[in-house]
Every structure is written in structure tokens, then in C-alpha cells.
Amino acid sequence: MEKKLKRSRFALMTMFEVLENDILYMNSRKQSTVHARMFYNYYLLKNFNIPHNQIKNYIEGMHHATSIYLKNKLENEMKQYDSVQMQWLTFLFF
């Protein structure tokens, strides 16, 4: 599992031009960092079935309510904007 998570973080680092620590820690609110963290959160939830209350073990400082909010926000953005849907697909097949 850790190998897949490392590859997913590398893909997000490349796509959003952020550092790995920006994804793993809740230290920045820059748009690119938040988007990368949102994708990582969604990836953990959907591909590994990690419950919201366990996300804090993978993203330091993330509260379960933040995880729920980011999941809902990304799902809504994917429905509204084709570009976000394409980013998600690009991430999955990176």
C-alpha cells in the first residue's frame, strides 16, 4: 500500500507543483496545495476505503470534518467542471 501512496503523491507533486510535505501536512492553504491534498484525500477514501476518522493517520492535522468537506467539494467540482474530471483521470492513470 505504501508504494502506491508514494506513487500517488509523486503524481500530485508533478501535477500541482507542490512538495510532498505540502500534501502530508496541513500547513498551507495555497490553492495548488489544497487541490493536491483534496485529490489525495479522495484517493485514500475511494481506492483504499480509509474512513474519514482515520485520514489523520495519512494527512497530519486533517480533521474528519475537513475530510468530508473536501470529498464533497471534489465530487461537486467533478460534476460541474470537465477540467477537474480530466485532472482526476490524469491522476489515476499517471
Protein backbone atom coordinates (compact mmCIF):
# COMPACT_ATOMS: atom_id res chain seq x y z
CA MET A 1 0.00 0.00 0.00
CA GLU A 2 2.79 2.43 0.91
CA LYS A 3 4.33 2.06 -2.55
CA LYS A 4 1.03 3.04 -4.21
CA LEU A 5 0.65 6.00 -1.86
CA LYS A 6 4.18 7.17 -2.65
CA ARG A 7 3.46 6.97 -6.40
CA SER A 8 0.20 8.87 -5.95
CA ARG A 9 1.96 11.62 -4.01
CA PHE A 10 4.60 11.84 -6.76
CA ALA A 11 1.84 12.23 -9.37
CA LEU A 12 0.20 15.01 -7.34
CA MET A 13 3.55 16.73 -6.77
CA THR A 14 4.08 16.75 -10.53
CA MET A 15 0.54 17.80 -11.46
CA PHE A 16 0.15 20.61 -8.92
CA GLU A 17 3.83 21.57 -8.47
CA VAL A 18 3.80 21.12 -4.70
CA LEU A 19 6.13 19.42 -2.25
CA GLU A 20 5.35 16.08 -0.64
CA ASN A 21 5.17 17.72 2.79
CA ASP A 22 2.51 20.10 1.46
CA ILE A 23 0.33 17.06 0.76
CA LEU A 24 1.06 15.24 4.01
CA TYR A 25 0.76 18.17 6.44
CA MET A 26 -1.97 20.78 6.88
CA ASN A 27 0.45 23.74 6.89
CA SER A 28 -0.54 25.65 3.77
CA ARG A 29 -3.75 26.96 2.26
CA LYS A 30 -2.39 27.78 -1.20
CA GLN A 31 -4.80 26.76 -3.93
CA SER A 32 -2.45 24.26 -5.57
CA THR A 33 -1.64 22.67 -2.22
CA VAL A 34 -5.29 22.39 -1.22
CA HIS A 35 -6.18 20.82 -4.57
CA ALA A 36 -3.37 18.28 -4.27
CA ARG A 37 -4.46 17.44 -0.72
CA MET A 38 -8.10 17.19 -1.86
CA PHE A 39 -7.16 14.67 -4.56
CA TYR A 40 -5.03 12.67 -2.10
CA ASN A 41 -7.86 12.63 0.44
CA TYR A 42 -10.32 11.42 -2.20
CA TYR A 43 -7.84 8.80 -3.40
CA LEU A 44 -7.45 7.43 0.13
CA LEU A 45 -11.21 7.30 0.62
CA LYS A 46 -12.15 5.73 -2.71
CA ASN A 47 -9.22 3.44 -3.51
CA PHE A 48 -8.24 2.25 -0.04
CA ASN A 49 -11.57 2.67 1.79
CA ILE A 50 -9.92 4.60 4.60
CA PRO A 51 -12.68 6.04 6.84
CA HIS A 52 -12.82 9.80 7.41
CA ASN A 53 -11.79 9.47 11.05
CA GLN A 54 -8.59 7.62 10.03
CA ILE A 55 -7.45 10.14 7.39
CA LYS A 56 -5.49 11.95 10.12
CA ASN A 57 -3.06 8.99 10.09
CA TYR A 58 -2.20 9.78 6.46
CA ILE A 59 -2.56 13.58 6.33
CA GLU A 60 -1.18 15.10 9.51
CA GLY A 61 -3.60 17.52 11.14
CA MET A 62 -6.64 16.74 8.98
CA HIS A 63 -9.86 16.58 10.97
CA HIS A 64 -12.56 14.15 9.83
CA ALA A 65 -14.91 17.07 9.08
CA THR A 66 -12.29 18.56 6.74
CA SER A 67 -12.00 15.20 5.00
CA ILE A 68 -15.77 15.03 4.50
CA TYR A 69 -15.86 18.62 3.21
CA LEU A 70 -13.01 18.03 0.73
CA LYS A 71 -14.63 14.83 -0.55
CA ASN A 72 -17.96 16.58 -1.16
CA LYS A 73 -16.25 19.59 -2.73
CA LEU A 74 -14.24 17.45 -5.16
CA GLU A 75 -17.28 15.39 -6.15
CA ASN A 76 -19.26 18.57 -6.84
CA GLU A 77 -16.40 20.11 -8.83
CA MET A 78 -16.04 16.94 -10.91
CA LYS A 79 -19.75 17.10 -11.75
CA GLN A 80 -19.59 20.79 -12.64
CA TYR A 81 -16.26 21.11 -14.42
CA ASP A 82 -14.90 18.77 -17.06
CA SER A 83 -11.38 20.06 -16.40
CA VAL A 84 -11.46 18.77 -12.81
CA GLN A 85 -12.80 15.42 -14.03
CA MET A 86 -9.91 15.27 -16.51
CA GLN A 87 -7.40 16.12 -13.78
CA TRP A 88 -8.76 13.26 -11.67
CA LEU A 89 -8.49 10.82 -14.59
CA THR A 90 -4.99 12.06 -15.37
CA PHE A 91 -4.04 11.50 -11.75
CA LEU A 92 -5.46 7.96 -11.74
CA PHE A 93 -3.59 6.95 -14.88
CA PHE A 94 -0.38 8.90 -14.18
